[in-house]
Amino acid sequence: MTRTRTPVALLGLIAVLGAAACTPTVRLQVDPIQIYAKLDADVRVRLDKELQDLLVENPNLF
């Protein structure tokens, strides 16, 4: 009985290894995206205003 099990087990092992070798590979390539940002003058005014308020609240900051 052990002689008939060995070829069957060997064929099963070969089938499993063969199926694992045929597993498809998926590759995804994403090109870099360039983003151009422009700071608006309004942003600078807001930051200047926040800085002025901070200096009024904490005169010894600098």
PDB file of N, CA and C in Angstrom:
ATOM      1  N   MET A   1       0.801  -1.197   0.000  1.00  0.00           N
ATOM      2  CA  MET A   1       0.000   0.000   0.000  1.00  0.00           C
ATOM      3  C   MET A   1       0.851   1.271   0.000  1.00  0.00           C
ATOM      4  N   THR A   2       1.978   1.232   0.625  1.00  0.00           N
ATOM      5  CA  THR A   2       2.810   2.423   0.684  1.00  0.00           C
ATOM      6  C   THR A   2       3.407   2.756  -0.671  1.00  0.00           C
ATOM      7  N   ARG A   3       3.552   1.741  -1.520  1.00  0.00           N
ATOM      8  CA  ARG A   3       4.113   2.001  -2.844  1.00  0.00           C
ATOM      9  C   ARG A   3       3.129   2.753  -3.729  1.00  0.00           C
ATOM     10  N   THR A   4       1.852   2.562  -3.589  1.00  0.00           N
ATOM     11  CA  THR A   4       0.882   3.270  -4.420  1.00  0.00           C
ATOM     12  C   THR A   4       0.634   4.679  -3.894  1.00  0.00           C
ATOM     13  N   ARG A   5       0.832   4.902  -2.623  1.00  0.00           N
ATOM     14  CA  ARG A   5       0.629   6.235  -2.059  1.00  0.00           C
ATOM     15  C   ARG A   5       1.764   7.182  -2.443  1.00  0.00           C
ATOM     16  N   THR A   6       2.958   6.676  -2.564  1.00  0.00           N
ATOM     17  CA  THR A   6       4.109   7.528  -2.853  1.00  0.00           C
ATOM     18  C   THR A   6       3.985   8.211  -4.211  1.00  0.00           C
ATOM     19  N   PRO A   7       3.660   7.526  -5.305  1.00  0.00           N
ATOM     20  CA  PRO A   7       3.512   8.232  -6.590  1.00  0.00           C
ATOM     21  C   PRO A   7       2.340   9.218  -6.588  1.00  0.00           C
ATOM     22  N   VAL A   8       1.279   8.865  -5.895  1.00  0.00           N
ATOM     23  CA  VAL A   8       0.116   9.767  -5.846  1.00  0.00           C
ATOM     24  C   VAL A   8       0.484  11.033  -5.077  1.00  0.00           C
ATOM     25  N   ALA A   9       1.186  10.878  -3.957  1.00  0.00           N
ATOM     26  CA  ALA A   9       1.603  12.032  -3.172  1.00  0.00           C
ATOM     27  C   ALA A   9       2.601  12.882  -3.953  1.00  0.00           C
ATOM     28  N   LEU A  10       3.478  12.222  -4.682  1.00  0.00           N
ATOM     29  CA  LEU A  10       4.468  12.938  -5.482  1.00  0.00           C
ATOM     30  C   LEU A  10       3.783  13.711  -6.609  1.00  0.00           C
ATOM     31  N   LEU A  11       2.810  13.109  -7.267  1.00  0.00           N
ATOM     32  CA  LEU A  11       2.066  13.801  -8.316  1.00  0.00           C
ATOM     33  C   LEU A  11       1.270  14.976  -7.741  1.00  0.00           C
ATOM     34  N   GLY A  12       0.717  14.793  -6.552  1.00  0.00           N
ATOM     35  CA  GLY A  12      -0.015  15.888  -5.894  1.00  0.00           C
ATOM     36  C   GLY A  12       0.913  17.044  -5.568  1.00  0.00           C
ATOM     37  N   LEU A  13       2.103  16.738  -5.082  1.00  0.00           N
ATOM     38  CA  LEU A  13       3.085  17.764  -4.760  1.00  0.00           C
ATOM     39  C   LEU A  13       3.521  18.510  -6.014  1.00  0.00           C
ATOM     40  N   ILE A  14       3.749  17.792  -7.098  1.00  0.00           N
ATOM     41  CA  ILE A  14       4.136  18.422  -8.365  1.00  0.00           C
ATOM     42  C   ILE A  14       3.011  19.321  -8.881  1.00  0.00           C
ATOM     43  N   ALA A  15       1.772  18.880  -8.731  1.00  0.00           N
ATOM     44  CA  ALA A  15       0.629  19.687  -9.184  1.00  0.00           C
ATOM     45  C   ALA A  15       0.516  20.972  -8.377  1.00  0.00           C
ATOM     46  N   VAL A  16       0.709  20.889  -7.072  1.00  0.00           N
ATOM     47  CA  VAL A  16       0.630  22.081  -6.220  1.00  0.00           C
ATOM     48  C   VAL A  16       1.756  23.051  -6.552  1.00  0.00           C
ATOM     49  N   LEU A  17       2.958  22.547  -6.730  1.00  0.00           N
ATOM     50  CA  LEU A  17       4.083  23.411  -7.076  1.00  0.00           C
ATOM     51  C   LEU A  17       3.907  24.032  -8.455  1.00  0.00           C
ATOM     52  N   GLY A  18       3.368  23.271  -9.373  1.00  0.00           N
ATOM     53  CA  GLY A  18       3.117  23.801 -10.714  1.00  0.00           C
ATOM     54  C   GLY A  18       2.061  24.902 -10.703  1.00  0.00           C
ATOM     55  N   ALA A  19       1.034  24.723  -9.910  1.00  0.00           N
ATOM     56  CA  ALA A  19      -0.016  25.747  -9.814  1.00  0.00           C
ATOM     57  C   ALA A  19       0.526  27.005  -9.146  1.00  0.00           C
ATOM     58  N   ALA A  20       1.390  26.851  -8.147  1.00  0.00           N
ATOM     59  CA  ALA A  20       1.979  28.013  -7.472  1.00  0.00           C
ATOM     60  C   ALA A  20       2.914  28.763  -8.402  1.00  0.00           C
ATOM     61  N   ALA A  21       3.571  28.059  -9.303  1.00  0.00           N
ATOM     62  CA  ALA A  21       4.495  28.702 -10.232  1.00  0.00           C
ATOM     63  C   ALA A  21       3.752  29.514 -11.288  1.00  0.00           C
ATOM     64  N   CYS A  22       2.488  29.214 -11.538  1.00  0.00           N
ATOM     65  CA  CYS A  22       1.715  29.909 -12.560  1.00  0.00           C
ATOM     66  C   CYS A  22       0.887  31.060 -12.000  1.00  0.00           C
ATOM     67  N   THR A  23       1.134  31.437 -10.775  1.00  0.00           N
ATOM     68  CA  THR A  23       0.386  32.533 -10.170  1.00  0.00           C
ATOM     69  C   THR A  23       0.746  33.839 -10.880  1.00  0.00           C
ATOM     70  N   PRO A  24      -0.250  34.579 -11.371  1.00  0.00           N
ATOM     71  CA  PRO A  24       0.053  35.820 -12.099  1.00  0.00           C
ATOM     72  C   PRO A  24       0.579  36.919 -11.163  1.00  0.00           C
ATOM     73  N   THR A  25       1.414  37.770 -11.721  1.00  0.00           N
ATOM     74  CA  THR A  25       1.971  38.889 -10.974  1.00  0.00           C
ATOM     75  C   THR A  25       1.395  40.175 -11.546  1.00  0.00           C
ATOM     76  N   VAL A  26       0.883  41.019 -10.678  1.00  0.00           N
ATOM     77  CA  VAL A  26       0.316  42.296 -11.093  1.00  0.00           C
ATOM     78  C   VAL A  26       1.257  43.392 -10.626  1.00  0.00           C
ATOM     79  N   ARG A  27       1.672  44.249 -11.556  1.00  0.00           N
ATOM     80  CA  ARG A  27       2.547  45.371 -11.210  1.00  0.00           C
ATOM     81  C   ARG A  27       1.845  46.654 -11.601  1.00  0.00           C
ATOM     82  N   LEU A  28       1.934  47.636 -10.735  1.00  0.00           N
ATOM     83  CA  LEU A  28       1.303  48.921 -10.972  1.00  0.00           C
ATOM     84  C   LEU A  28       2.377  49.992 -10.959  1.00  0.00           C
ATOM     85  N   GLN A  29       2.453  50.757 -12.027  1.00  0.00           N
ATOM     86  CA  GLN A  29       3.439  51.826 -12.113  1.00  0.00           C
ATOM     87  C   GLN A  29       2.698  53.156 -12.200  1.00  0.00           C
ATOM     88  N   VAL A  30       3.036  54.056 -11.290  1.00  0.00           N
ATOM     89  CA  VAL A  30       2.397  55.369 -11.261  1.00  0.00           C
ATOM     90  C   VAL A  30       3.455  56.410 -11.584  1.00  0.00           C
ATOM     91  N   ASP A  31       3.183  57.205 -12.585  1.00  0.00           N
ATOM     92  CA  ASP A  31       4.107  58.269 -12.953  1.00  0.00           C
ATOM     93  C   ASP A  31       4.009  59.401 -11.932  1.00  0.00           C
ATOM     94  N   PRO A  32       5.122  60.097 -11.679  1.00  0.00           N
ATOM     95  CA  PRO A  32       5.078  61.202 -10.714  1.00  0.00           C
ATOM     96  C   PRO A  32       4.176  62.331 -11.206  1.00  0.00           C
ATOM     97  N   ILE A  33       3.516  62.970 -10.266  1.00  0.00           N
ATOM     98  CA  ILE A  33       2.604  64.063 -10.577  1.00  0.00           C
ATOM     99  C   ILE A  33       3.267  65.365 -10.158  1.00  0.00           C
ATOM    100  N   GLN A  34       3.284  66.325 -11.057  1.00  0.00           N
ATOM    101  CA  GLN A  34       3.843  67.634 -10.730  1.00  0.00           C
ATOM    102  C   GLN A  34       2.717  68.568 -10.334  1.00  0.00           C
ATOM    103  N   ILE A  35       2.879  69.187  -9.183  1.00  0.00           N
ATOM    104  CA  ILE A  35       1.872  70.119  -8.683  1.00  0.00           C
ATOM    105  C   ILE A  35       2.524  71.494  -8.583  1.00  0.00           C
ATOM    106  N   TYR A  36       1.923  72.439  -9.235  1.00  0.00           N
ATOM    107  CA  TYR A  36       2.398  73.810  -9.170  1.00  0.00           C
ATOM    108  C   TYR A  36       1.456  74.598  -8.254  1.00  0.00           C
ATOM    109  N   ALA A  37       2.011  75.156  -7.212  1.00  0.00           N
ATOM    110  CA  ALA A  37       1.198  75.910  -6.257  1.00  0.00           C
ATOM    111  C   ALA A  37       1.652  77.358  -6.246  1.00  0.00           C
ATOM    112  N   LYS A  38       0.705  78.223  -6.167  1.00  0.00           N
ATOM    113  CA  LYS A  38       1.008  79.656  -6.120  1.00  0.00           C
ATOM    114  C   LYS A  38       0.396  80.204  -4.843  1.00  0.00           C
ATOM    115  N   LEU A  39       1.238  80.829  -4.027  1.00  0.00           N
ATOM    116  CA  LEU A  39       0.730  81.446  -2.810  1.00  0.00           C
ATOM    117  C   LEU A  39       0.072  82.764  -3.154  1.00  0.00           C
ATOM    118  N   ASP A  40      -1.075  82.940  -2.623  1.00  0.00           N
ATOM    119  CA  ASP A  40      -1.819  84.159  -2.875  1.00  0.00           C
ATOM    120  C   ASP A  40      -1.368  85.236  -1.889  1.00  0.00           C
ATOM    121  N   ALA A  41      -1.504  86.477  -2.277  1.00  0.00           N
ATOM    122  CA  ALA A  41      -1.129  87.585  -1.392  1.00  0.00           C
ATOM    123  C   ALA A  41      -1.985  87.575  -0.136  1.00  0.00           C
ATOM    124  N   ASP A  42      -3.199  87.061  -0.233  1.00  0.00           N
ATOM    125  CA  ASP A  42      -4.093  87.002   0.927  1.00  0.00           C
ATOM    126  C   ASP A  42      -3.496  86.140   2.037  1.00  0.00           C
ATOM    127  N   VAL A  43      -2.818  85.077   1.673  1.00  0.00           N
ATOM    128  CA  VAL A  43      -2.179  84.202   2.662  1.00  0.00           C
ATOM    129  C   VAL A  43      -1.110  84.971   3.415  1.00  0.00           C
ATOM    130  N   ARG A  44      -0.322  85.754   2.710  1.00  0.00           N
ATOM    131  CA  ARG A  44       0.727  86.546   3.339  1.00  0.00           C
ATOM    132  C   ARG A  44       0.121  87.582   4.283  1.00  0.00           C
ATOM    133  N   VAL A  45      -0.955  88.212   3.889  1.00  0.00           N
ATOM    134  CA  VAL A  45      -1.611  89.208   4.744  1.00  0.00           C
ATOM    135  C   VAL A  45      -2.136  88.553   6.012  1.00  0.00           C
ATOM    136  N   ARG A  46      -2.728  87.379   5.869  1.00  0.00           N
ATOM    137  CA  ARG A  46      -3.240  86.675   7.057  1.00  0.00           C
ATOM    138  C   ARG A  46      -2.108  86.314   8.002  1.00  0.00           C
ATOM    139  N   LEU A  47      -0.997  85.817   7.463  1.00  0.00           N
ATOM    140  CA  LEU A  47       0.137  85.463   8.316  1.00  0.00           C
ATOM    141  C   LEU A  47       0.713  86.696   8.998  1.00  0.00           C
ATOM    142  N   ASP A  48       0.810  87.814   8.273  1.00  0.00           N
ATOM    143  CA  ASP A  48       1.298  89.050   8.881  1.00  0.00           C
ATOM    144  C   ASP A  48       0.369  89.501  10.001  1.00  0.00           C
ATOM    145  N   LYS A  49      -0.916  89.387   9.790  1.00  0.00           N
ATOM    146  CA  LYS A  49      -1.901  89.779  10.807  1.00  0.00           C
ATOM    147  C   LYS A  49      -1.774  88.876  12.032  1.00  0.00           C
ATOM    148  N   GLU A  50      -1.642  87.583  11.827  1.00  0.00           N
ATOM    149  CA  GLU A  50      -1.484  86.658  12.947  1.00  0.00           C
ATOM    150  C   GLU A  50      -0.198  86.944  13.712  1.00  0.00           C
ATOM    151  N   LEU A  51       0.863  87.284  13.000  1.00  0.00           N
ATOM    152  CA  LEU A  51       2.123  87.601  13.652  1.00  0.00           C
ATOM    153  C   LEU A  51       2.006  88.879  14.476  1.00  0.00           C
ATOM    154  N   GLN A  52       1.329  89.873  13.927  1.00  0.00           N
ATOM    155  CA  GLN A  52       1.120  91.112  14.673  1.00  0.00           C
ATOM    156  C   GLN A  52       0.301  90.855  15.933  1.00  0.00           C
ATOM    157  N   ASP A  53      -0.753  90.057  15.822  1.00  0.00           N
ATOM    158  CA  ASP A  53      -1.567  89.724  17.000  1.00  0.00           C
ATOM    159  C   ASP A  53      -0.749  88.963  18.033  1.00  0.00           C
ATOM    160  N   LEU A  54       0.104  88.075  17.584  1.00  0.00           N
ATOM    161  CA  LEU A  54       0.949  87.308  18.504  1.00  0.00           C
ATOM    162  C   LEU A  54       1.945  88.216  19.219  1.00  0.00           C
ATOM    163  N   LEU A  55       2.496  89.167  18.512  1.00  0.00           N
ATOM    164  CA  LEU A  55       3.435  90.101  19.136  1.00  0.00           C
ATOM    165  C   LEU A  55       2.739  91.026  20.130  1.00  0.00           C
ATOM    166  N   VAL A  56       1.484  91.388  19.845  1.00  0.00           N
ATOM    167  CA  VAL A  56       0.738  92.232  20.792  1.00  0.00           C
ATOM    168  C   VAL A  56       0.459  91.442  22.062  1.00  0.00           C
ATOM    169  N   GLU A  57       0.127  90.158  21.924  1.00  0.00           N
ATOM    170  CA  GLU A  57      -0.167  89.319  23.100  1.00  0.00           C
ATOM    171  C   GLU A  57       1.101  88.992  23.872  1.00  0.00           C
ATOM    172  N   ASN A  58       2.222  88.830  23.208  1.00  0.00           N
ATOM    173  CA  ASN A  58       3.491  88.450  23.834  1.00  0.00           C
ATOM    174  C   ASN A  58       4.600  89.414  23.382  1.00  0.00           C
ATOM    175  N   PRO A  59       4.696  90.596  24.016  1.00  0.00           N
ATOM    176  CA  PRO A  59       5.685  91.572  23.561  1.00  0.00           C
ATOM    177  C   PRO A  59       7.124  91.123  23.771  1.00  0.00           C
ATOM    178  N   ASN A  60       7.383  90.211  24.666  1.00  0.00           N
ATOM    179  CA  ASN A  60       8.751  89.746  24.943  1.00  0.00           C
ATOM    180  C   ASN A  60       9.108  88.497  24.149  1.00  0.00           C
ATOM    181  N   LEU A  61       8.375  88.257  23.078  1.00  0.00           N
ATOM    182  CA  LEU A  61       8.590  87.033  22.294  1.00  0.00           C
ATOM    183  C   LEU A  61       9.959  87.038  21.605  1.00  0.00           C
ATOM    184  N   PHE A  62      10.389  88.196  21.108  1.00  0.00           N
ATOM    185  CA  PHE A  62      11.681  88.262  20.434  1.00  0.00           C
ATOM    186  C   PHE A  62      12.687  88.965  21.274  1.00  0.00           C
TER     187      PHE A  62
END
